[in-house]
Amino acid sequence: MIGKFNSFEEINSWQKSRIFNKRIYLITENSNFKKDFDFARQIRRASISISSNIAEGFERNTDKEFVYFLYVAKASAGEVRSQLYLAFDLGYIIKEEFETLLESVTEISKLLSGFIKYLSPKP
């Protein structure tokens, strides 16, 4: 299946997570996040983990290993989702930002689930 793509850059979930990473970086530059350095760093790392694991898994060149890394990427998407709730609850982001970011990371997670299902061996 990996042969369907020439590079990880062609994978839709990677492309969307790249855009999402930038949005997380920009939003964590605001003054509320600036005072909470550890939290800003953690949500950035979790966000970066999504795209990084898609890329790393692709480069492993086996569907089995790729699926493993897609699961790790999906787990990181869940971590970011949870952190977005905290950012909203603490007033670090406004409702509109929260909803937009939550929608984006949820879409990435669904794409990853579909990809995992597609790549997984059929019984």
PDB file of N, CA and C in Angstrom:
ATOM      1  N   MET A   1       0.830  -1.202   0.000  1.00  0.00           N
ATOM      2  CA  MET A   1       0.000   0.000   0.000  1.00  0.00           C
ATOM      3  C   MET A   1       0.867   1.254   0.000  1.00  0.00           C
ATOM      4  N   ILE A   2       1.979   1.215   0.712  1.00  0.00           N
ATOM      5  CA  ILE A   2       2.846   2.387   0.766  1.00  0.00           C
ATOM      6  C   ILE A   2       3.214   2.815  -0.652  1.00  0.00           C
ATOM      7  N   GLY A   3       3.313   1.831  -1.565  1.00  0.00           N
ATOM      8  CA  GLY A   3       3.655   2.103  -2.947  1.00  0.00           C
ATOM      9  C   GLY A   3       2.700   3.050  -3.654  1.00  0.00           C
ATOM     10  N   LYS A   4       1.502   3.204  -3.115  1.00  0.00           N
ATOM     11  CA  LYS A   4       0.511   4.125  -3.680  1.00  0.00           C
ATOM     12  C   LYS A   4       0.997   5.572  -3.557  1.00  0.00           C
ATOM     13  N   PHE A   5       1.816   5.829  -2.580  1.00  0.00           N
ATOM     14  CA  PHE A   5       2.377   7.164  -2.347  1.00  0.00           C
ATOM     15  C   PHE A   5       3.871   7.134  -2.643  1.00  0.00           C
ATOM     16  N   ASN A   6       4.364   8.222  -3.227  1.00  0.00           N
ATOM     17  CA  ASN A   6       5.803   8.337  -3.461  1.00  0.00           C
ATOM     18  C   ASN A   6       6.520   8.931  -2.252  1.00  0.00           C
ATOM     19  N   SER A   7       5.779   9.685  -1.447  1.00  0.00           N
ATOM     20  CA  SER A   7       6.366  10.326  -0.272  1.00  0.00           C
ATOM     21  C   SER A   7       5.272  10.598   0.757  1.00  0.00           C
ATOM     22  N   PHE A   8       5.691  10.784   1.993  1.00  0.00           N
ATOM     23  CA  PHE A   8       4.699  11.068   3.045  1.00  0.00           C
ATOM     24  C   PHE A   8       4.026  12.416   2.815  1.00  0.00           C
ATOM     25  N   GLU A   9       4.698  13.310   2.087  1.00  0.00           N
ATOM     26  CA  GLU A   9       4.127  14.626   1.819  1.00  0.00           C
ATOM     27  C   GLU A   9       2.837  14.551   1.005  1.00  0.00           C
ATOM     28  N   GLU A  10       2.608  13.430   0.327  1.00  0.00           N
ATOM     29  CA  GLU A  10       1.396  13.252  -0.476  1.00  0.00           C
ATOM     30  C   GLU A  10       0.199  12.797   0.372  1.00  0.00           C
ATOM     31  N   ILE A  11       0.447  12.409   1.606  1.00  0.00           N
ATOM     32  CA  ILE A  11      -0.601  11.841   2.461  1.00  0.00           C
ATOM     33  C   ILE A  11      -1.445  12.970   3.070  1.00  0.00           C
ATOM     34  N   ASN A  12      -2.745  12.879   2.847  1.00  0.00           N
ATOM     35  CA  ASN A  12      -3.675  13.921   3.274  1.00  0.00           C
ATOM     36  C   ASN A  12      -3.590  14.215   4.775  1.00  0.00           C
ATOM     37  N   SER A  13      -3.526  13.179   5.600  1.00  0.00           N
ATOM     38  CA  SER A  13      -3.476  13.412   7.048  1.00  0.00           C
ATOM     39  C   SER A  13      -2.179  14.129   7.439  1.00  0.00           C
ATOM     40  N   TRP A  14      -1.081  13.872   6.733  1.00  0.00           N
ATOM     41  CA  TRP A  14       0.172  14.587   7.007  1.00  0.00           C
ATOM     42  C   TRP A  14       0.038  16.051   6.600  1.00  0.00           C
ATOM     43  N   GLN A  15      -0.543  16.298   5.418  1.00  0.00           N
ATOM     44  CA  GLN A  15      -0.730  17.671   4.940  1.00  0.00           C
ATOM     45  C   GLN A  15      -1.581  18.479   5.916  1.00  0.00           C
ATOM     46  N   LYS A  16      -2.662  17.878   6.380  1.00  0.00           N
ATOM     47  CA  LYS A  16      -3.549  18.567   7.320  1.00  0.00           C
ATOM     48  C   LYS A  16      -2.865  18.778   8.679  1.00  0.00           C
ATOM     49  N   SER A  17      -2.064  17.821   9.113  1.00  0.00           N
ATOM     50  CA  SER A  17      -1.381  17.983  10.398  1.00  0.00           C
ATOM     51  C   SER A  17      -0.281  19.041  10.305  1.00  0.00           C
ATOM     52  N   ARG A  18       0.297  19.213   9.131  1.00  0.00           N
ATOM     53  CA  ARG A  18       1.296  20.269   8.936  1.00  0.00           C
ATOM     54  C   ARG A  18       0.654  21.639   9.137  1.00  0.00           C
ATOM     55  N   ILE A  19      -0.515  21.828   8.542  1.00  0.00           N
ATOM     56  CA  ILE A  19      -1.260  23.090   8.694  1.00  0.00           C
ATOM     57  C   ILE A  19      -1.665  23.273  10.164  1.00  0.00           C
ATOM     58  N   PHE A  20      -2.117  22.176  10.782  1.00  0.00           N
ATOM     59  CA  PHE A  20      -2.525  22.211  12.181  1.00  0.00           C
ATOM     60  C   PHE A  20      -1.352  22.607  13.085  1.00  0.00           C
ATOM     61  N   ASN A  21      -0.166  22.047  12.832  1.00  0.00           N
ATOM     62  CA  ASN A  21       1.030  22.390  13.621  1.00  0.00           C
ATOM     63  C   ASN A  21       1.271  23.894  13.616  1.00  0.00           C
ATOM     64  N   LYS A  22       1.188  24.490  12.441  1.00  0.00           N
ATOM     65  CA  LYS A  22       1.428  25.934  12.334  1.00  0.00           C
ATOM     66  C   LYS A  22       0.408  26.707  13.161  1.00  0.00           C
ATOM     67  N   ARG A  23      -0.860  26.274  13.088  1.00  0.00           N
ATOM     68  CA  ARG A  23      -1.904  26.955  13.861  1.00  0.00           C
ATOM     69  C   ARG A  23      -1.650  26.840  15.362  1.00  0.00           C
ATOM     70  N   ILE A  24      -1.207  25.665  15.807  1.00  0.00           N
ATOM     71  CA  ILE A  24      -0.884  25.477  17.235  1.00  0.00           C
ATOM     72  C   ILE A  24       0.276  26.393  17.630  1.00  0.00           C
ATOM     73  N   TYR A  25       1.303  26.459  16.793  1.00  0.00           N
ATOM     74  CA  TYR A  25       2.443  27.332  17.092  1.00  0.00           C
ATOM     75  C   TYR A  25       2.006  28.786  17.191  1.00  0.00           C
ATOM     76  N   LEU A  26       1.196  29.235  16.251  1.00  0.00           N
ATOM     77  CA  LEU A  26       0.753  30.634  16.253  1.00  0.00           C
ATOM     78  C   LEU A  26      -0.125  30.941  17.467  1.00  0.00           C
ATOM     79  N   ILE A  27      -1.025  30.025  17.793  1.00  0.00           N
ATOM     80  CA  ILE A  27      -1.947  30.268  18.905  1.00  0.00           C
ATOM     81  C   ILE A  27      -1.214  30.233  20.256  1.00  0.00           C
ATOM     82  N   THR A  28      -0.158  29.432  20.347  1.00  0.00           N
ATOM     83  CA  THR A  28       0.588  29.363  21.611  1.00  0.00           C
ATOM     84  C   THR A  28       1.569  30.527  21.760  1.00  0.00           C
ATOM     85  N   GLU A  29       1.623  31.374  20.757  1.00  0.00           N
ATOM     86  CA  GLU A  29       2.420  32.608  20.862  1.00  0.00           C
ATOM     87  C   GLU A  29       1.661  33.695  21.610  1.00  0.00           C
ATOM     88  N   ASN A  30       0.341  33.516  21.795  1.00  0.00           N
ATOM     89  CA  ASN A  30      -0.425  34.579  22.463  1.00  0.00           C
ATOM     90  C   ASN A  30      -0.008  34.711  23.932  1.00  0.00           C
ATOM     91  N   SER A  31      -0.330  35.854  24.512  1.00  0.00           N
ATOM     92  CA  SER A  31       0.171  36.190  25.839  1.00  0.00           C
ATOM     93  C   SER A  31      -0.265  35.208  26.930  1.00  0.00           C
ATOM     94  N   ASN A  32      -1.487  34.653  26.807  1.00  0.00           N
ATOM     95  CA  ASN A  32      -1.942  33.691  27.813  1.00  0.00           C
ATOM     96  C   ASN A  32      -1.056  32.449  27.841  1.00  0.00           C
ATOM     97  N   PHE A  33      -0.774  31.914  26.668  1.00  0.00           N
ATOM     98  CA  PHE A  33       0.097  30.741  26.588  1.00  0.00           C
ATOM     99  C   PHE A  33       1.531  31.090  26.974  1.00  0.00           C
ATOM    100  N   LYS A  34       1.956  32.311  26.648  1.00  0.00           N
ATOM    101  CA  LYS A  34       3.336  32.729  26.921  1.00  0.00           C
ATOM    102  C   LYS A  34       3.695  32.573  28.399  1.00  0.00           C
ATOM    103  N   LYS A  35       2.712  32.820  29.288  1.00  0.00           N
ATOM    104  CA  LYS A  35       3.018  32.707  30.720  1.00  0.00           C
ATOM    105  C   LYS A  35       3.019  31.257  31.188  1.00  0.00           C
ATOM    106  N   ASP A  36       2.509  30.357  30.380  1.00  0.00           N
ATOM    107  CA  ASP A  36       2.458  28.939  30.745  1.00  0.00           C
ATOM    108  C   ASP A  36       3.348  28.153  29.781  1.00  0.00           C
ATOM    109  N   PHE A  37       4.645  28.374  29.924  1.00  0.00           N
ATOM    110  CA  PHE A  37       5.638  27.817  29.012  1.00  0.00           C
ATOM    111  C   PHE A  37       5.553  26.294  28.892  1.00  0.00           C
ATOM    112  N   ASP A  38       5.407  25.614  30.018  1.00  0.00           N
ATOM    113  CA  ASP A  38       5.365  24.143  29.993  1.00  0.00           C
ATOM    114  C   ASP A  38       4.175  23.619  29.203  1.00  0.00           C
ATOM    115  N   PHE A  39       3.021  24.230  29.399  1.00  0.00           N
ATOM    116  CA  PHE A  39       1.822  23.790  28.691  1.00  0.00           C
ATOM    117  C   PHE A  39       1.954  24.079  27.191  1.00  0.00           C
ATOM    118  N   ALA A  40       2.438  25.270  26.852  1.00  0.00           N
ATOM    119  CA  ALA A  40       2.630  25.628  25.442  1.00  0.00           C
ATOM    120  C   ALA A  40       3.586  24.641  24.777  1.00  0.00           C
ATOM    121  N   ARG A  41       4.647  24.310  25.492  1.00  0.00           N
ATOM    122  CA  ARG A  41       5.633  23.361  24.954  1.00  0.00           C
ATOM    123  C   ARG A  41       5.013  21.980  24.771  1.00  0.00           C
ATOM    124  N   GLN A  42       4.208  21.560  25.708  1.00  0.00           N
ATOM    125  CA  GLN A  42       3.598  20.225  25.650  1.00  0.00           C
ATOM    126  C   GLN A  42       2.601  20.095  24.498  1.00  0.00           C
ATOM    127  N   ILE A  43       1.749  21.093  24.311  1.00  0.00           N
ATOM    128  CA  ILE A  43       0.761  21.009  23.233  1.00  0.00           C
ATOM    129  C   ILE A  43       1.457  21.104  21.865  1.00  0.00           C
ATOM    130  N   ARG A  44       2.540  21.863  21.799  1.00  0.00           N
ATOM    131  CA  ARG A  44       3.320  21.930  20.559  1.00  0.00           C
ATOM    132  C   ARG A  44       3.946  20.564  20.254  1.00  0.00           C
ATOM    133  N   ARG A  45       4.544  19.962  21.263  1.00  0.00           N
ATOM    134  CA  ARG A  45       5.201  18.658  21.069  1.00  0.00           C
ATOM    135  C   ARG A  45       4.197  17.590  20.641  1.00  0.00           C
ATOM    136  N   ALA A  46       3.028  17.593  21.262  1.00  0.00           N
ATOM    137  CA  ALA A  46       2.004  16.610  20.907  1.00  0.00           C
ATOM    138  C   ALA A  46       1.528  16.833  19.471  1.00  0.00           C
ATOM    139  N   SER A  47       1.367  18.089  19.091  1.00  0.00           N
ATOM    140  CA  SER A  47       0.951  18.422  17.727  1.00  0.00           C
ATOM    141  C   SER A  47       1.998  17.975  16.705  1.00  0.00           C
ATOM    142  N   ILE A  48       3.248  18.282  16.983  1.00  0.00           N
ATOM    143  CA  ILE A  48       4.344  17.892  16.089  1.00  0.00           C
ATOM    144  C   ILE A  48       4.425  16.374  15.971  1.00  0.00           C
ATOM    145  N   SER A  49       4.117  15.678  17.036  1.00  0.00           N
ATOM    146  CA  SER A  49       4.177  14.214  17.054  1.00  0.00           C
ATOM    147  C   SER A  49       3.236  13.598  16.022  1.00  0.00           C
ATOM    148  N   ILE A  50       2.132  14.261  15.724  1.00  0.00           N
ATOM    149  CA  ILE A  50       1.178  13.730  14.745  1.00  0.00           C
ATOM    150  C   ILE A  50       1.853  13.614  13.377  1.00  0.00           C
ATOM    151  N   SER A  51       2.331  14.733  12.853  1.00  0.00           N
ATOM    152  CA  SER A  51       2.940  14.726  11.518  1.00  0.00           C
ATOM    153  C   SER A  51       4.249  13.939  11.502  1.00  0.00           C
ATOM    154  N   SER A  52       5.015  14.028  12.573  1.00  0.00           N
ATOM    155  CA  SER A  52       6.297  13.319  12.626  1.00  0.00           C
ATOM    156  C   SER A  52       6.121  11.807  12.579  1.00  0.00           C
ATOM    157  N   ASN A  53       5.118  11.303  13.274  1.00  0.00           N
ATOM    158  CA  ASN A  53       4.895   9.854  13.281  1.00  0.00           C
ATOM    159  C   ASN A  53       4.332   9.346  11.956  1.00  0.00           C
ATOM    160  N   ILE A  54       3.538  10.158  11.279  1.00  0.00           N
ATOM    161  CA  ILE A  54       3.073   9.778   9.943  1.00  0.00           C
ATOM    162  C   ILE A  54       4.291   9.645   9.024  1.00  0.00           C
ATOM    163  N   ALA A  55       5.161  10.633   9.072  1.00  0.00           N
ATOM    164  CA  ALA A  55       6.365  10.627   8.226  1.00  0.00           C
ATOM    165  C   ALA A  55       7.284   9.460   8.578  1.00  0.00           C
ATOM    166  N   GLU A  56       7.549   9.274   9.867  1.00  0.00           N
ATOM    167  CA  GLU A  56       8.457   8.200  10.283  1.00  0.00           C
ATOM    168  C   GLU A  56       7.907   6.831   9.905  1.00  0.00           C
ATOM    169  N   GLY A  57       6.625   6.639  10.132  1.00  0.00           N
ATOM    170  CA  GLY A  57       6.006   5.358   9.777  1.00  0.00           C
ATOM    171  C   GLY A  57       6.076   5.079   8.294  1.00  0.00           C
ATOM    172  N   PHE A  58       5.827   6.100   7.488  1.00  0.00           N
ATOM    173  CA  PHE A  58       5.903   5.937   6.038  1.00  0.00           C
ATOM    174  C   PHE A  58       7.299   5.508   5.615  1.00  0.00           C
ATOM    175  N   GLU A  59       8.288   6.132   6.193  1.00  0.00           N
ATOM    176  CA  GLU A  59       9.685   5.855   5.827  1.00  0.00           C
ATOM    177  C   GLU A  59      10.157   4.476   6.275  1.00  0.00           C
ATOM    178  N   ARG A  60       9.419   3.808   7.136  1.00  0.00           N
ATOM    179  CA  ARG A  60       9.773   2.451   7.562  1.00  0.00           C
ATOM    180  C   ARG A  60       9.567   1.430   6.438  1.00  0.00           C
ATOM    181  N   ASN A  61       8.731   1.792   5.484  1.00  0.00           N
ATOM    182  CA  ASN A  61       8.535   0.980   4.271  1.00  0.00           C
ATOM    183  C   ASN A  61       7.825  -0.358   4.439  1.00  0.00           C
ATOM    184  N   THR A  62       7.167  -0.578   5.563  1.00  0.00           N
ATOM    185  CA  THR A  62       6.308  -1.760   5.682  1.00  0.00           C
ATOM    186  C   THR A  62       4.963  -1.314   6.218  1.00  0.00           C
ATOM    187  N   ASP A  63       3.901  -1.928   5.711  1.00  0.00           N
ATOM    188  CA  ASP A  63       2.563  -1.556   6.175  1.00  0.00           C
ATOM    189  C   ASP A  63       2.408  -1.783   7.673  1.00  0.00           C
ATOM    190  N   LYS A  64       2.979  -2.889   8.173  1.00  0.00           N
ATOM    191  CA  LYS A  64       2.841  -3.209   9.597  1.00  0.00           C
ATOM    192  C   LYS A  64       3.444  -2.110  10.473  1.00  0.00           C
ATOM    193  N   GLU A  65       4.652  -1.693  10.150  1.00  0.00           N
ATOM    194  CA  GLU A  65       5.288  -0.634  10.933  1.00  0.00           C
ATOM    195  C   GLU A  65       4.581   0.700  10.725  1.00  0.00           C
ATOM    196  N   PHE A  66       4.135   0.952   9.497  1.00  0.00           N
ATOM    197  CA  PHE A  66       3.416   2.192   9.208  1.00  0.00           C
ATOM    198  C   PHE A  66       2.163   2.288  10.071  1.00  0.00           C
ATOM    199  N   VAL A  67       1.420   1.194  10.153  1.00  0.00           N
ATOM    200  CA  VAL A  67       0.195   1.173  10.968  1.00  0.00           C
ATOM    201  C   VAL A  67       0.521   1.497  12.426  1.00  0.00           C
ATOM    202  N   TYR A  68       1.607   0.917  12.950  1.00  0.00           N
ATOM    203  CA  TYR A  68       2.010   1.194  14.332  1.00  0.00           C
ATOM    204  C   TYR A  68       2.208   2.710  14.530  1.00  0.00           C
ATOM    205  N   PHE A  69       2.938   3.346  13.621  1.00  0.00           N
ATOM    206  CA  PHE A  69       3.214   4.776  13.755  1.00  0.00           C
ATOM    207  C   PHE A  69       1.961   5.624  13.538  1.00  0.00           C
ATOM    208  N   LEU A  70       1.038   5.131  12.705  1.00  0.00           N
ATOM    209  CA  LEU A  70      -0.231   5.844  12.538  1.00  0.00           C
ATOM    210  C   LEU A  70      -1.032   5.807  13.837  1.00  0.00           C
ATOM    211  N   TYR A  71      -0.956   4.684  14.559  1.00  0.00           N
ATOM    212  CA  TYR A  71      -1.613   4.609  15.876  1.00  0.00           C
ATOM    213  C   TYR A  71      -0.979   5.603  16.846  1.00  0.00           C
ATOM    214  N   VAL A  72       0.334   5.736  16.816  1.00  0.00           N
ATOM    215  CA  VAL A  72       1.022   6.697  17.686  1.00  0.00           C
ATOM    216  C   VAL A  72       0.590   8.123  17.324  1.00  0.00           C
ATOM    217  N   ALA A  73       0.502   8.404  16.021  1.00  0.00           N
ATOM    218  CA  ALA A  73       0.052   9.730  15.568  1.00  0.00           C
ATOM    219  C   ALA A  73      -1.377  10.000  16.048  1.00  0.00           C
ATOM    220  N   LYS A  74      -2.236   8.988  15.948  1.00  0.00           N
ATOM    221  CA  LYS A  74      -3.632   9.117  16.386  1.00  0.00           C
ATOM    222  C   LYS A  74      -3.705   9.367  17.894  1.00  0.00           C
ATOM    223  N   ALA A  75      -2.850   8.690  18.646  1.00  0.00           N
ATOM    224  CA  ALA A  75      -2.802   8.905  20.099  1.00  0.00           C
ATOM    225  C   ALA A  75      -2.376  10.342  20.416  1.00  0.00           C
ATOM    226  N   SER A  76      -1.419  10.853  19.661  1.00  0.00           N
ATOM    227  CA  SER A  76      -0.987  12.241  19.856  1.00  0.00           C
ATOM    228  C   SER A  76      -2.111  13.211  19.518  1.00  0.00           C
ATOM    229  N   ALA A  77      -2.910  12.891  18.506  1.00  0.00           N
ATOM    230  CA  ALA A  77      -4.065  13.733  18.176  1.00  0.00           C
ATOM    231  C   ALA A  77      -5.041  13.762  19.350  1.00  0.00           C
ATOM    232  N   GLY A  78      -5.226  12.624  20.007  1.00  0.00           N
ATOM    233  CA  GLY A  78      -6.077  12.569  21.197  1.00  0.00           C
ATOM    234  C   GLY A  78      -5.517  13.409  22.325  1.00  0.00           C
ATOM    235  N   GLU A  79      -4.202  13.354  22.487  1.00  0.00           N
ATOM    236  CA  GLU A  79      -3.544  14.157  23.526  1.00  0.00           C
ATOM    237  C   GLU A  79      -3.776  15.647  23.267  1.00  0.00           C
ATOM    238  N   VAL A  80      -3.595  16.075  22.022  1.00  0.00           N
ATOM    239  CA  VAL A  80      -3.814  17.477  21.680  1.00  0.00           C
ATOM    240  C   VAL A  80      -5.269  17.865  21.919  1.00  0.00           C
ATOM    241  N   ARG A  81      -6.179  16.975  21.557  1.00  0.00           N
ATOM    242  CA  ARG A  81      -7.604  17.255  21.755  1.00  0.00           C
ATOM    243  C   ARG A  81      -7.887  17.523  23.228  1.00  0.00           C
ATOM    244  N   SER A  82      -7.356  16.681  24.090  1.00  0.00           N
ATOM    245  CA  SER A  82      -7.537  16.860  25.526  1.00  0.00           C
ATOM    246  C   SER A  82      -6.929  18.186  25.991  1.00  0.00           C
ATOM    247  N   GLN A  83      -5.763  18.511  25.480  1.00  0.00           N
ATOM    248  CA  GLN A  83      -5.081  19.747  25.869  1.00  0.00           C
ATOM    249  C   GLN A  83      -5.836  20.986  25.388  1.00  0.00           C
ATOM    250  N   LEU A  84      -6.512  20.865  24.249  1.00  0.00           N
ATOM    251  CA  LEU A  84      -7.317  21.998  23.765  1.00  0.00           C
ATOM    252  C   LEU A  84      -8.444  22.333  24.740  1.00  0.00           C
ATOM    253  N   TYR A  85      -9.033  21.290  25.329  1.00  0.00           N
ATOM    254  CA  TYR A  85     -10.077  21.541  26.339  1.00  0.00           C
ATOM    255  C   TYR A  85      -9.503  22.326  27.508  1.00  0.00           C
ATOM    256  N   LEU A  86      -8.321  21.948  27.965  1.00  0.00           N
ATOM    257  CA  LEU A  86      -7.696  22.658  29.078  1.00  0.00           C
ATOM    258  C   LEU A  86      -7.376  24.101  28.680  1.00  0.00           C
ATOM    259  N   ALA A  87      -6.842  24.281  27.483  1.00  0.00           N
ATOM    260  CA  ALA A  87      -6.517  25.636  27.012  1.00  0.00           C
ATOM    261  C   ALA A  87      -7.773  26.507  26.999  1.00  0.00           C
ATOM    262  N   PHE A  88      -8.877  25.924  26.563  1.00  0.00           N
ATOM    263  CA  PHE A  88     -10.153  26.655  26.549  1.00  0.00           C
ATOM    264  C   PHE A  88     -10.638  26.926  27.968  1.00  0.00           C
ATOM    265  N   ASP A  89     -10.592  25.898  28.820  1.00  0.00           N
ATOM    266  CA  ASP A  89     -11.055  26.035  30.211  1.00  0.00           C
ATOM    267  C   ASP A  89     -10.256  27.092  30.970  1.00  0.00           C
ATOM    268  N   LEU A  90      -8.971  27.231  30.640  1.00  0.00           N
ATOM    269  CA  LEU A  90      -8.121  28.214  31.314  1.00  0.00           C
ATOM    270  C   LEU A  90      -8.225  29.598  30.688  1.00  0.00           C
ATOM    271  N   GLY A  91      -8.983  29.703  29.596  1.00  0.00           N
ATOM    272  CA  GLY A  91      -9.138  30.995  28.929  1.00  0.00           C
ATOM    273  C   GLY A  91      -7.950  31.364  28.055  1.00  0.00           C
ATOM    274  N   TYR A  92      -7.121  30.388  27.689  1.00  0.00           N
ATOM    275  CA  TYR A  92      -5.963  30.661  26.834  1.00  0.00           C
ATOM    276  C   TYR A  92      -6.386  30.847  25.386  1.00  0.00           C
ATOM    277  N   ILE A  93      -7.497  30.212  25.018  1.00  0.00           N
ATOM    278  CA  ILE A  93      -8.042  30.372  23.667  1.00  0.00           C
ATOM    279  C   ILE A  93      -9.537  30.656  23.785  1.00  0.00           C
ATOM    280  N   ILE A  94     -10.040  31.393  22.819  1.00  0.00           N
ATOM    281  CA  ILE A  94     -11.474  31.712  22.817  1.00  0.00           C
ATOM    282  C   ILE A  94     -12.246  30.555  22.176  1.00  0.00           C
ATOM    283  N   LYS A  95     -13.561  30.579  22.381  1.00  0.00           N
ATOM    284  CA  LYS A  95     -14.438  29.496  21.914  1.00  0.00           C
ATOM    285  C   LYS A  95     -14.264  29.192  20.425  1.00  0.00           C
ATOM    286  N   GLU A  96     -14.177  30.231  19.599  1.00  0.00           N
ATOM    287  CA  GLU A  96     -14.048  30.041  18.146  1.00  0.00           C
ATOM    288  C   GLU A  96     -12.747  29.326  17.806  1.00  0.00           C
ATOM    289  N   GLU A  97     -11.649  29.733  18.449  1.00  0.00           N
ATOM    290  CA  GLU A  97     -10.352  29.075  18.216  1.00  0.00           C
ATOM    291  C   GLU A  97     -10.419  27.618  18.658  1.00  0.00           C
ATOM    292  N   PHE A  98     -10.991  27.411  19.826  1.00  0.00           N
ATOM    293  CA  PHE A  98     -11.135  26.060  20.368  1.00  0.00           C
ATOM    294  C   PHE A  98     -11.899  25.174  19.392  1.00  0.00           C
ATOM    295  N   GLU A  99     -13.049  25.655  18.928  1.00  0.00           N
ATOM    296  CA  GLU A  99     -13.894  24.849  18.037  1.00  0.00           C
ATOM    297  C   GLU A  99     -13.205  24.547  16.714  1.00  0.00           C
ATOM    298  N   THR A 100     -12.516  25.538  16.155  1.00  0.00           N
ATOM    299  CA  THR A 100     -11.810  25.356  14.887  1.00  0.00           C
ATOM    300  C   THR A 100     -10.671  24.349  15.037  1.00  0.00           C
ATOM    301  N   LEU A 101      -9.884  24.496  16.090  1.00  0.00           N
ATOM    302  CA  LEU A 101      -8.760  23.584  16.327  1.00  0.00           C
ATOM    303  C   LEU A 101      -9.257  22.171  16.638  1.00  0.00           C
ATOM    304  N   LEU A 102     -10.310  22.090  17.441  1.00  0.00           N
ATOM    305  CA  LEU A 102     -10.875  20.787  17.790  1.00  0.00           C
ATOM    306  C   LEU A 102     -11.394  20.075  16.536  1.00  0.00           C
ATOM    307  N   GLU A 103     -12.061  20.821  15.670  1.00  0.00           N
ATOM    308  CA  GLU A 103     -12.572  20.259  14.424  1.00  0.00           C
ATOM    309  C   GLU A 103     -11.418  19.742  13.550  1.00  0.00           C
ATOM    310  N   SER A 104     -10.358  20.507  13.458  1.00  0.00           N
ATOM    311  CA  SER A 104      -9.199  20.118  12.641  1.00  0.00           C
ATOM    312  C   SER A 104      -8.535  18.849  13.153  1.00  0.00           C
ATOM    313  N   VAL A 105      -8.270  18.805  14.449  1.00  0.00           N
ATOM    314  CA  VAL A 105      -7.566  17.638  14.991  1.00  0.00           C
ATOM    315  C   VAL A 105      -8.467  16.404  14.984  1.00  0.00           C
ATOM    316  N   THR A 106      -9.769  16.601  15.126  1.00  0.00           N
ATOM    317  CA  THR A 106     -10.713  15.488  15.042  1.00  0.00           C
ATOM    318  C   THR A 106     -10.745  14.934  13.615  1.00  0.00           C
ATOM    319  N   GLU A 107     -10.717  15.817  12.637  1.00  0.00           N
ATOM    320  CA  GLU A 107     -10.676  15.382  11.234  1.00  0.00           C
ATOM    321  C   GLU A 107      -9.402  14.580  10.954  1.00  0.00           C
ATOM    322  N   ILE A 108      -8.273  15.064  11.450  1.00  0.00           N
ATOM    323  CA  ILE A 108      -6.996  14.345  11.269  1.00  0.00           C
ATOM    324  C   ILE A 108      -7.091  12.960  11.900  1.00  0.00           C
ATOM    325  N   SER A 109      -7.646  12.884  13.087  1.00  0.00           N
ATOM    326  CA  SER A 109      -7.810  11.614  13.790  1.00  0.00           C
ATOM    327  C   SER A 109      -8.672  10.636  12.983  1.00  0.00           C
ATOM    328  N   LYS A 110      -9.757  11.139  12.409  1.00  0.00           N
ATOM    329  CA  LYS A 110     -10.631  10.291  11.588  1.00  0.00           C
ATOM    330  C   LYS A 110      -9.918   9.808  10.330  1.00  0.00           C
ATOM    331  N   LEU A 111      -9.148  10.692   9.714  1.00  0.00           N
ATOM    332  CA  LEU A 111      -8.369  10.296   8.539  1.00  0.00           C
ATOM    333  C   LEU A 111      -7.381   9.185   8.904  1.00  0.00           C
ATOM    334  N   LEU A 112      -6.728   9.339  10.055  1.00  0.00           N
ATOM    335  CA  LEU A 112      -5.780   8.323  10.512  1.00  0.00           C
ATOM    336  C   LEU A 112      -6.484   6.995  10.773  1.00  0.00           C
ATOM    337  N   SER A 113      -7.661   7.036  11.385  1.00  0.00           N
ATOM    338  CA  SER A 113      -8.427   5.813  11.638  1.00  0.00           C
ATOM    339  C   SER A 113      -8.757   5.091  10.338  1.00  0.00           C
ATOM    340  N   GLY A 114      -9.192   5.845   9.352  1.00  0.00           N
ATOM    341  CA  GLY A 114      -9.517   5.261   8.056  1.00  0.00           C
ATOM    342  C   GLY A 114      -8.304   4.659   7.383  1.00  0.00           C
ATOM    343  N   PHE A 115      -7.179   5.342   7.496  1.00  0.00           N
ATOM    344  CA  PHE A 115      -5.933   4.877   6.902  1.00  0.00           C
ATOM    345  C   PHE A 115      -5.466   3.587   7.588  1.00  0.00           C
ATOM    346  N   ILE A 116      -5.559   3.559   8.915  1.00  0.00           N
ATOM    347  CA  ILE A 116      -5.187   2.364   9.684  1.00  0.00           C
ATOM    348  C   ILE A 116      -6.044   1.180   9.249  1.00  0.00           C
ATOM    349  N   LYS A 117      -7.342   1.418   9.148  1.00  0.00           N
ATOM    350  CA  LYS A 117      -8.276   0.358   8.740  1.00  0.00           C
ATOM    351  C   LYS A 117      -7.928  -0.173   7.342  1.00  0.00           C
ATOM    352  N   TYR A 118      -7.624   0.763   6.449  1.00  0.00           N
ATOM    353  CA  TYR A 118      -7.285   0.413   5.072  1.00  0.00           C
ATOM    354  C   TYR A 118      -5.996  -0.425   4.980  1.00  0.00           C
ATOM    355  N   LEU A 119      -5.010  -0.061   5.808  1.00  0.00           N
ATOM    356  CA  LEU A 119      -3.698  -0.734   5.770  1.00  0.00           C
ATOM    357  C   LEU A 119      -3.659  -2.039   6.562  1.00  0.00           C
ATOM    358  N   SER A 120      -4.580  -2.194   7.491  1.00  0.00           N
ATOM    359  CA  SER A 120      -4.553  -3.373   8.376  1.00  0.00           C
ATOM    360  C   SER A 120      -4.961  -4.634   7.614  1.00  0.00           C
ATOM    361  N   PRO A 121      -4.298  -5.764   7.947  1.00  0.00           N
ATOM    362  CA  PRO A 121      -4.620  -7.032   7.268  1.00  0.00           C
ATOM    363  C   PRO A 121      -6.084  -7.402   7.469  1.00  0.00           C
ATOM    364  N   LYS A 122      -6.681  -7.890   6.410  1.00  0.00           N
ATOM    365  CA  LYS A 122      -8.085  -8.323   6.496  1.00  0.00           C
ATOM    366  C   LYS A 122      -8.125  -9.794   6.935  1.00  0.00           C
ATOM    367  N   PRO A 123      -9.084 -10.153   7.807  1.00  0.00           N
ATOM    368  CA  PRO A 123      -9.138 -11.543   8.290  1.00  0.00           C
ATOM    369  C   PRO A 123      -9.535 -12.507   7.189  1.00  0.00           C
TER     370      PRO A 123
END
